[in-house]
Amino acid sequence: MPPTRLTRAWFAVTGLVVLIGLVTQAVVSAGTPGRYATAGARVANMFAYFTIESNLLVLLASVAFVTGARANGLLRVLWLDALIGIAVTGVVYHVALSGLAELSGGALFADLMLHTVSPILTVLGFLVAAPRVLRWSAVAWSVCWPLAWLAFTLIRGAQGGFYPYPFVNADQLGYGRVAVNCVLIAVLFVALASAAKVLDGWLTHARAGTRSADR
């Protein structure tokens, strides 16, 4: 999968944005007193958030594209999870979560990078710069990550009482309502992944048609 100049440049910038956002958020989390007493515990708790995990997947996919990693099944699933995860992150945050906390300084900067700039760059990168590597098998496997995140979140929440988002808070909603929410999330994720695969195929044919017309 030899990367084009556009691919390298686009995903180098995307990866850098994500890395800066994650490091900034880690510094902010370490220095902000909260539920956990130590800085290390507060930084570790970052990774319970879907936002952080989806940005990490974007970072890994960006590195793979920049370095020209082989387009195998693992990379296809990684890229699809990164794409759908970060798109959901951006939309849900700006529709439902953005007004829940007053942010300033480093926290505001990290929020901007991880919830706005990263989703925009990733989705636009999919449209204009990403290699066309998606397969239907990747759609089937892509749901494993969000389901694993949900299972981990519920188990950890039952043990320690911490839920990163209101829609998975079983203590407040009850497991029946949370189970319905989990099914809806899984269905939404598969639907978006399927749409991305269809669009990826259309973009592949459009690119091939453009190249044929130029000859």
Protein backbone atom coordinates (compact mmCIF):
# COMPACT_ATOMS: atom_id res chain seq x y z
CA MET A 1 0.00 0.00 0.00
CA PRO A 2 2.41 2.73 -1.16
CA PRO A 3 1.18 6.03 0.30
CA THR A 4 0.78 9.04 -1.95
CA ARG A 5 2.23 12.42 -0.99
CA LEU A 6 -1.26 13.60 -0.10
CA THR A 7 -1.82 10.56 2.11
CA ARG A 8 1.47 11.05 3.94
CA ALA A 9 0.95 14.78 4.45
CA TRP A 10 -2.69 14.55 5.48
CA PHE A 11 -2.30 11.78 8.00
CA ALA A 12 0.97 13.16 9.33
CA VAL A 13 -0.94 16.32 10.25
CA THR A 14 -3.88 14.30 11.58
CA GLY A 15 -1.63 12.14 13.72
CA LEU A 16 0.20 15.17 15.06
CA VAL A 17 -3.08 16.88 16.00
CA VAL A 18 -4.22 13.78 17.87
CA LEU A 19 -0.88 13.33 19.62
CA ILE A 20 -0.81 16.95 20.79
CA GLY A 21 -4.41 16.68 21.98
CA LEU A 22 -3.77 13.45 23.90
CA VAL A 23 -0.61 14.74 25.55
CA THR A 24 -2.35 17.97 26.53
CA GLN A 25 -5.29 16.06 27.96
CA ALA A 26 -2.93 13.81 29.93
CA VAL A 27 -1.21 16.83 31.45
CA VAL A 28 -4.56 18.41 32.31
CA SER A 29 -5.92 15.18 33.80
CA ALA A 30 -2.78 14.62 35.86
CA GLY A 31 -2.99 18.08 37.36
CA THR A 32 -6.74 18.25 37.99
CA PRO A 33 -7.99 16.85 41.31
CA GLY A 34 -10.98 14.59 40.95
CA ARG A 35 -12.34 11.13 41.61
CA TYR A 36 -8.89 9.54 41.74
CA ALA A 37 -6.25 10.62 44.23
CA THR A 38 -3.06 10.20 42.18
CA ALA A 39 -2.00 11.77 38.90
CA GLY A 40 -1.23 8.34 37.45
CA ALA A 41 -4.72 7.06 38.23
CA ARG A 42 -6.31 10.14 36.68
CA VAL A 43 -4.27 9.74 33.50
CA ALA A 44 -5.07 6.02 33.34
CA ASN A 45 -8.77 6.84 33.71
CA MET A 46 -8.59 8.89 30.50
CA PHE A 47 -8.55 5.64 28.57
CA ALA A 48 -12.01 4.72 29.86
CA TYR A 49 -13.45 7.38 27.56
CA PHE A 50 -14.63 6.53 24.05
CA THR A 51 -13.21 9.86 22.89
CA ILE A 52 -9.69 8.96 23.96
CA GLU A 53 -9.84 5.45 22.53
CA SER A 54 -11.21 6.62 19.18
CA ASN A 55 -8.46 9.24 18.94
CA LEU A 56 -5.85 6.60 19.75
CA LEU A 57 -7.19 4.49 16.88
CA VAL A 58 -6.95 7.53 14.59
CA LEU A 59 -3.34 8.00 15.68
CA LEU A 60 -2.48 4.35 14.96
CA ALA A 61 -4.21 4.43 11.57
CA SER A 62 -2.44 7.69 10.70
CA VAL A 63 0.95 6.17 11.50
CA ALA A 64 0.08 3.13 9.38
CA PHE A 65 -0.89 5.29 6.40
CA VAL A 66 2.17 7.52 6.67
CA THR A 67 4.53 4.55 6.85
CA GLY A 68 2.80 2.60 4.09
CA ALA A 69 1.85 -0.41 6.22
CA ARG A 70 0.48 -3.41 4.37
CA ALA A 71 -3.29 -3.33 3.87
CA ASN A 72 -4.16 -6.49 5.81
CA GLY A 73 -7.30 -7.38 7.73
CA LEU A 74 -6.07 -5.80 10.96
CA LEU A 75 -5.37 -2.44 9.32
CA ARG A 76 -8.77 -2.45 7.61
CA VAL A 77 -10.57 -3.00 10.90
CA LEU A 78 -8.35 -0.46 12.66
CA TRP A 79 -9.08 2.19 10.04
CA LEU A 80 -12.81 1.53 9.99
CA ASP A 81 -13.05 1.64 13.79
CA ALA A 82 -10.99 4.82 13.86
CA LEU A 83 -13.14 6.48 11.18
CA ILE A 84 -16.53 5.57 12.64
CA GLY A 85 -15.41 6.00 16.24
CA ILE A 86 -14.07 9.51 15.72
CA ALA A 87 -17.06 10.55 13.60
CA VAL A 88 -19.43 9.40 16.35
CA THR A 89 -17.24 11.17 18.91
CA GLY A 90 -17.47 14.47 17.07
CA VAL A 91 -21.19 14.33 16.37
CA VAL A 92 -22.29 13.13 19.82
CA TYR A 93 -20.07 15.61 21.59
CA HIS A 94 -21.28 18.65 19.67
CA VAL A 95 -24.93 17.57 19.73
CA ALA A 96 -25.26 16.37 23.32
CA LEU A 97 -22.18 16.92 25.48
CA SER A 98 -20.41 20.16 24.59
CA GLY A 99 -22.35 22.35 26.99
CA LEU A 100 -22.02 20.16 30.07
CA ALA A 101 -18.75 21.65 31.36
CA GLU A 102 -17.04 25.04 31.32
CA LEU A 103 -13.49 24.60 30.00
CA SER A 104 -10.52 26.92 29.76
CA GLY A 105 -6.78 26.84 29.14
CA GLY A 106 -5.27 23.45 28.38
CA ALA A 107 -8.56 21.63 28.91
CA LEU A 108 -10.26 23.79 26.27
CA PHE A 109 -7.37 23.29 23.85
CA ALA A 110 -7.39 19.50 24.29
CA ASP A 111 -11.17 19.48 23.90
CA LEU A 112 -10.90 21.37 20.61
CA MET A 113 -8.21 19.07 19.24
CA LEU A 114 -9.85 15.78 20.24
CA HIS A 115 -13.54 16.57 19.69
CA THR A 116 -13.43 18.94 16.71
CA VAL A 117 -10.16 19.10 14.75
CA SER A 118 -9.43 15.37 14.86
CA PRO A 119 -12.91 14.29 13.68
CA ILE A 120 -12.92 16.85 10.86
CA LEU A 121 -9.44 15.90 9.64
CA THR A 122 -10.20 12.18 9.81
CA VAL A 123 -13.50 12.32 7.95
CA LEU A 124 -12.13 14.67 5.30
CA GLY A 125 -9.04 12.44 5.08
CA PHE A 126 -11.29 9.46 4.37
CA LEU A 127 -12.91 11.35 1.52
CA VAL A 128 -9.81 12.81 -0.14
CA ALA A 129 -6.60 11.12 1.01
CA ALA A 130 -7.05 7.67 2.56
CA PRO A 131 -6.15 4.50 0.67
CA ARG A 132 -9.22 2.57 -0.47
CA VAL A 133 -8.68 -0.54 1.65
CA LEU A 134 -12.06 -1.31 3.27
CA ARG A 135 -13.72 -4.72 2.89
CA TRP A 136 -17.03 -6.13 4.09
CA SER A 137 -15.18 -8.45 6.45
CA ALA A 138 -13.84 -5.34 8.21
CA VAL A 139 -17.42 -4.15 8.76
CA ALA A 140 -18.26 -7.40 10.55
CA TRP A 141 -15.17 -7.27 12.76
CA SER A 142 -15.37 -3.54 13.48
CA VAL A 143 -18.20 -3.95 15.99
CA CYS A 144 -15.91 -5.92 18.32
CA TRP A 145 -14.18 -2.79 19.61
CA PRO A 146 -17.29 -0.80 20.66
CA LEU A 147 -18.80 -3.92 22.21
CA ALA A 148 -15.58 -4.57 24.14
CA TRP A 149 -15.58 -0.95 25.30
CA LEU A 150 -19.18 -1.25 26.48
CA ALA A 151 -18.49 -4.51 28.34
CA PHE A 152 -15.40 -3.05 30.03
CA THR A 153 -17.29 0.11 30.96
CA LEU A 154 -20.18 -1.77 32.56
CA ILE A 155 -17.94 -4.20 34.48
CA ARG A 156 -15.72 -1.39 35.75
CA GLY A 157 -18.73 0.74 36.61
CA ALA A 158 -20.33 -2.09 38.60
CA GLN A 159 -17.14 -2.48 40.60
CA GLY A 160 -16.20 1.15 41.19
CA GLY A 161 -19.27 3.21 40.35
CA PHE A 162 -17.58 5.20 37.57
CA TYR A 163 -19.34 5.55 34.20
CA PRO A 164 -17.78 7.91 31.65
CA TYR A 165 -21.09 8.80 29.97
CA PRO A 166 -24.70 9.12 31.18
CA PHE A 167 -26.12 6.66 28.62
CA VAL A 168 -24.13 3.74 30.11
CA ASN A 169 -24.70 4.63 33.77
CA ALA A 170 -26.39 1.46 34.97
CA ASP A 171 -26.64 2.79 38.52
CA GLN A 172 -28.99 5.54 37.35
CA LEU A 173 -30.69 4.00 34.31
CA GLY A 174 -30.78 0.34 35.26
CA TYR A 175 -29.29 -2.51 33.24
CA GLY A 176 -32.40 -2.94 31.10
CA ARG A 177 -32.25 0.59 29.72
CA VAL A 178 -28.46 0.40 29.35
CA ALA A 179 -28.79 -2.90 27.47
CA VAL A 180 -31.16 -1.22 25.00
CA ASN A 181 -28.69 1.64 24.62
CA CYS A 182 -25.87 -0.83 23.94
CA VAL A 183 -27.88 -2.60 21.23
CA LEU A 184 -28.70 0.74 19.61
CA ILE A 185 -25.03 1.73 19.70
CA ALA A 186 -24.00 -1.56 18.08
CA VAL A 187 -26.64 -1.22 15.35
CA LEU A 188 -25.63 2.39 14.70
CA PHE A 189 -21.97 1.45 14.52
CA VAL A 190 -22.59 -1.36 12.01
CA ALA A 191 -24.86 0.89 9.93
CA LEU A 192 -22.23 3.65 9.79
CA ALA A 193 -19.45 1.16 9.04
CA SER A 194 -21.54 -0.31 6.20
CA ALA A 195 -22.19 3.15 4.81
CA ALA A 196 -18.47 3.91 4.98
CA LYS A 197 -17.68 0.70 3.07
CA VAL A 198 -20.21 1.56 0.35
CA LEU A 199 -18.84 5.09 0.08
CA ASP A 200 -15.29 3.76 0.02
CA GLY A 201 -16.20 1.54 -2.92
CA TRP A 202 -17.87 4.41 -4.75
CA LEU A 203 -14.79 6.59 -4.22
CA THR A 204 -12.60 3.77 -5.53
CA HIS A 205 -14.61 3.57 -8.75
CA ALA A 206 -14.74 7.36 -9.06
CA ARG A 207 -10.96 7.59 -8.69
CA ALA A 208 -10.45 4.80 -11.24
CA GLY A 209 -12.80 6.56 -13.68
CA THR A 210 -10.94 9.83 -13.28
CA ARG A 211 -7.62 8.13 -14.00
CA SER A 212 -9.06 6.43 -17.11
CA ALA A 213 -10.42 9.72 -18.39
CA ASP A 214 -7.03 11.36 -17.96
CA ARG A 215 -5.26 8.79 -20.16
